[in-house]
Structure formats: structure tokens, C-alpha cells
Amino acid sequence: MRACCPNTHRTADPGTLDHMLSRRAFFGSSVGVITGSAMGINALALEPTVDKLKKNQKRAIVIFLSGGASQFETWDPKPGTSTGGPFQTIQTSVPGYRMCELMPEMAARLKKHTAVIRSFSSINTEHGGERVNALLRGERSDIGNLKAPSLGCMLAKELCLPASLVPHHVGFYTTYVGFNNNVQVDFAGYIGGQFEPINILNKIVPDANRLPPTLTDDDHRERAALRDQLSQVFQNGRKTDSILNSHHTAYSRVRGLMASDKLFDINLESQKMRDRYGNSLFGQQALAARRLVEAGVPVVRLNRGWWDSHGENFDIHASLVPDLDRVMSTLLDDLQERGLLEHTLVITMSEMGRTPKINTMRGRDHWGKCWSVALSGCGINPGIVYGKTNWNGTDVEENKVTPAELFATIFAALGIDHQKEYLSPDGRPVPITPYKTQLITDVLV
């Protein structure tokens, strides 16, 4: 097969999910956030060799449409059918391919840097729990007690520069999904907590990246030295393993986090640039994402919600899709203007699709049988429209794509061997995609 301004800073309540995620991200996973040293965002400009390495480093930005965007109102419209809805289509820059009228900017750019897969199919039709986790890890199964890592964490492991003090992985959210505390966050599983993201909810700048007023810099350094001493005492006589190393690495990068303010500060961008991205929180987070990847952060996830349109699907999409169109097209243009797009893969995918059938509330429900994904930039053959659904969008007609095949193709676009193996803590080889998974070669250069 060929296959508006960020919310005012607030301190999270210690019992909230937001607080727990922040603490886990900052103190139990990758927490360093500065390029090369604590000197600031331009520090590596002083080191031409390192700067060149950073420039050529592969990166990934995942635009994840939380709640489940409709393929009918974006990449795969079906006008004039019982499933089509009220919107018209427009001709794209790819001859013969028409998209929903709500996405004119992306329609004009497809041939320039984007491939669309219209035949993606997944078992996921839920917001939380193992189904969405299965999607995020390419529907690979856990092995006994070993939790399979998600795509973002595997990309962070593969693309990070080990000596860099920037974070390996950052996740921006406009909303979390909180069904029984199952949230759409990436998880590292057995590859190590240092590859899990710093999760930033409803703002741009992460919490806890500055010392509290009651703690001096000297006090903080002394505490860090004490932690190192206690850690060494604990480690004496014990076999060094990946868990200990992951824990130590996370703590050792805290000083980098505290030097990160400029990295996340979009006010350092020109007013013209900020206006290009727009005033939505999603747009501002996307601008911050560009700043992060430009500074050498290998993986950023932008979670745009909330697309769960069981009622009034068309009003919801009339509001959300134009913002997606503007922000996505601006991000791609910005990356290209800066010479970054050829090294950056932008993956735009939804949590799930929406049903062909329009329900009695003018809504669309959850659907996994067939929906769409877009890949832009690094390693991608632009202007390709791969796969096809049938006349009313109820099934895949040509070239069905599984999550494993999509993830393998993502790895390949970034120069990663999709059949490479990791060693689990108990020494078992575990492939990053299932053995014999085929690439979607049509969308790759």
C-alpha cells in the first residue's frame, strides 16, 4: 500500500488537574527551556557550528483538533448530498481538488507545501481513555505493564539534541478533556519522562518558570545542590537505569526553564507579525510554537478545541474553521519565510472525524471510519491528495490509511527509520511502528 490575549496569570489550585499536569511536566519530565545556555533566546548565535546544527535539525508541530473536527467542513466536503451540509466548495491550487469554502487560505497553498490524506481510518471515537490513547500511539498495544509511548514523545526522543537545554517537547492547549481525568496529553511510557511535554493550558507562558519572591537565586542553587547530593546517596549501590537517568535529567534542566521567559514572549515579535496570526489564543500559541521551533525545540503540539459538534455543527465550524485556516496558513508561510519549513513537519489531525449523518440537533456525532489528515513541509510531496471516500463520505473508497501507516510515514518524512526498535526496561525490543507497516510513499518526496 502507498499507502485575544492569553488569560491573566493564575496560580493553579493544588488539587486541580491543571496543577497536577503542570507539576508533572515541570518536575517529572522535560523542563529545560532555553537555547544552548541561560544567556537567552539568541545565545546560540554566538556559536556558528551549533547554530548550523540547530538550523538543520528536524522538527515537528502537531496541530491537534481536540473534540473532533468535521472532515466534511474542512478537507473532504460532499456538497449536494444528504450528508454534505450547507457550505459550498472552492477550487484549490491542486487541479480537480475542491475543499470547503471555509478554508480559502489553505486551498490556495496546497500545491505549495501540503498533502492531504482523505482516507484515514481509526478505531478512535471517544474523547478519553484507551481509545484516544490508542490513536496517539498509532494504535500500538501496551506490552504487559509497559505503556507504549505516544507519537509526540517518540518524536521528541528521536529529534532532540541531547546537549540542548531547550525543552524536548511542549504542548499548548486551549482546552483539556477531563472525562474521569483522561486528558489528551502525550505520554512517554517506557522511553522516559524527559520526553513528555511541558503542558500549557489557556495561556502562552508556562507556570513556575520563575522563582517565587520568597526564594532567592542562591537559595535555589543550594537546594539544587542538596537534591543532587541526596540523589547521589540514593543512587550509590544501585544499578543505574533509564528511570534514574530520566529523573536526574529532568531536574538538571530546571535552570534552563527559569531562563526561558523570552522564548515564550510573543511581545518580542513585531505588531505586524502578531497581527498575521490573529488575536485568538490558538493564533498566539501558534506564534509561540514558531518561536520555540526556531530556537531548537524539536516537538510542539498545538491543541485547538473545542470541535465536539453534536449540536449546531455548522455554526461551530463556521466559527472555528476560519481561525484554523488563518493560523495554519500563516504558520506555514512564516516557517517557509524563515527557511524552517523544509526542516519542520506540520501534522494537522483531528481527534476523530464526524458522522456523515446530520442528527436532529443539526450536529454530527463521533466517527472513526473515514476522515482526513494534512501533512505539510519537511519530507512531504506538496499538492498530493491521497485516498478517497465514497460519494457521500460514509466509507473509504480508495487507499485506506491506518494510524500505524500514518505514523510510519511521519517518521519517514522526518528521516526516522519507522522500523527501528527501542529496548524496553526489561530488555525486550519494541518497534516504533508495528513490524511490516507500509509507508504512504505517494505523500513523501
Foldseek 3Di string as FASTA:
>chain_A
DLFAAFDDDDDDDCPDLVNVLQCCFQQVAANFAEWPDLPHLCVCVVPVVVLVVLLQFFFEEEEEAAAAAAQCQFQAAQPPDQLHDDFDWDAAPFPPGITTPLQHLCSPCQQPWKEKEFFEFAPAQDRFDDRLVCLQLQNDDADVQFDRWGLQLVQLVVRADVSTLRQSEAEEEQDWDQDVHGTNFTDGTQQARHSGHNYHYRHQQRPPLADPPVADPVNVVVVLVVVVVVLVVVCVPPDDDRHSVRSVNSSVSSSSSNSNVVLRDCVVPDPVLLVQLNNDRLSSNLSSVLSRSSSRRRYYYRYHDDQNWLAPNVVSCSPPSNSVSSSVSSSCVVCVVVSRQQSYKYKYDYSFHWDSRQDPRSTTHGHRQTGMIMITGQFWNGSHHHFDADSSRHHTDDRRDGSLQVSCQVCVSNVHHQQAWDQGRVGDTDGSGDPPRDHSCVTGD
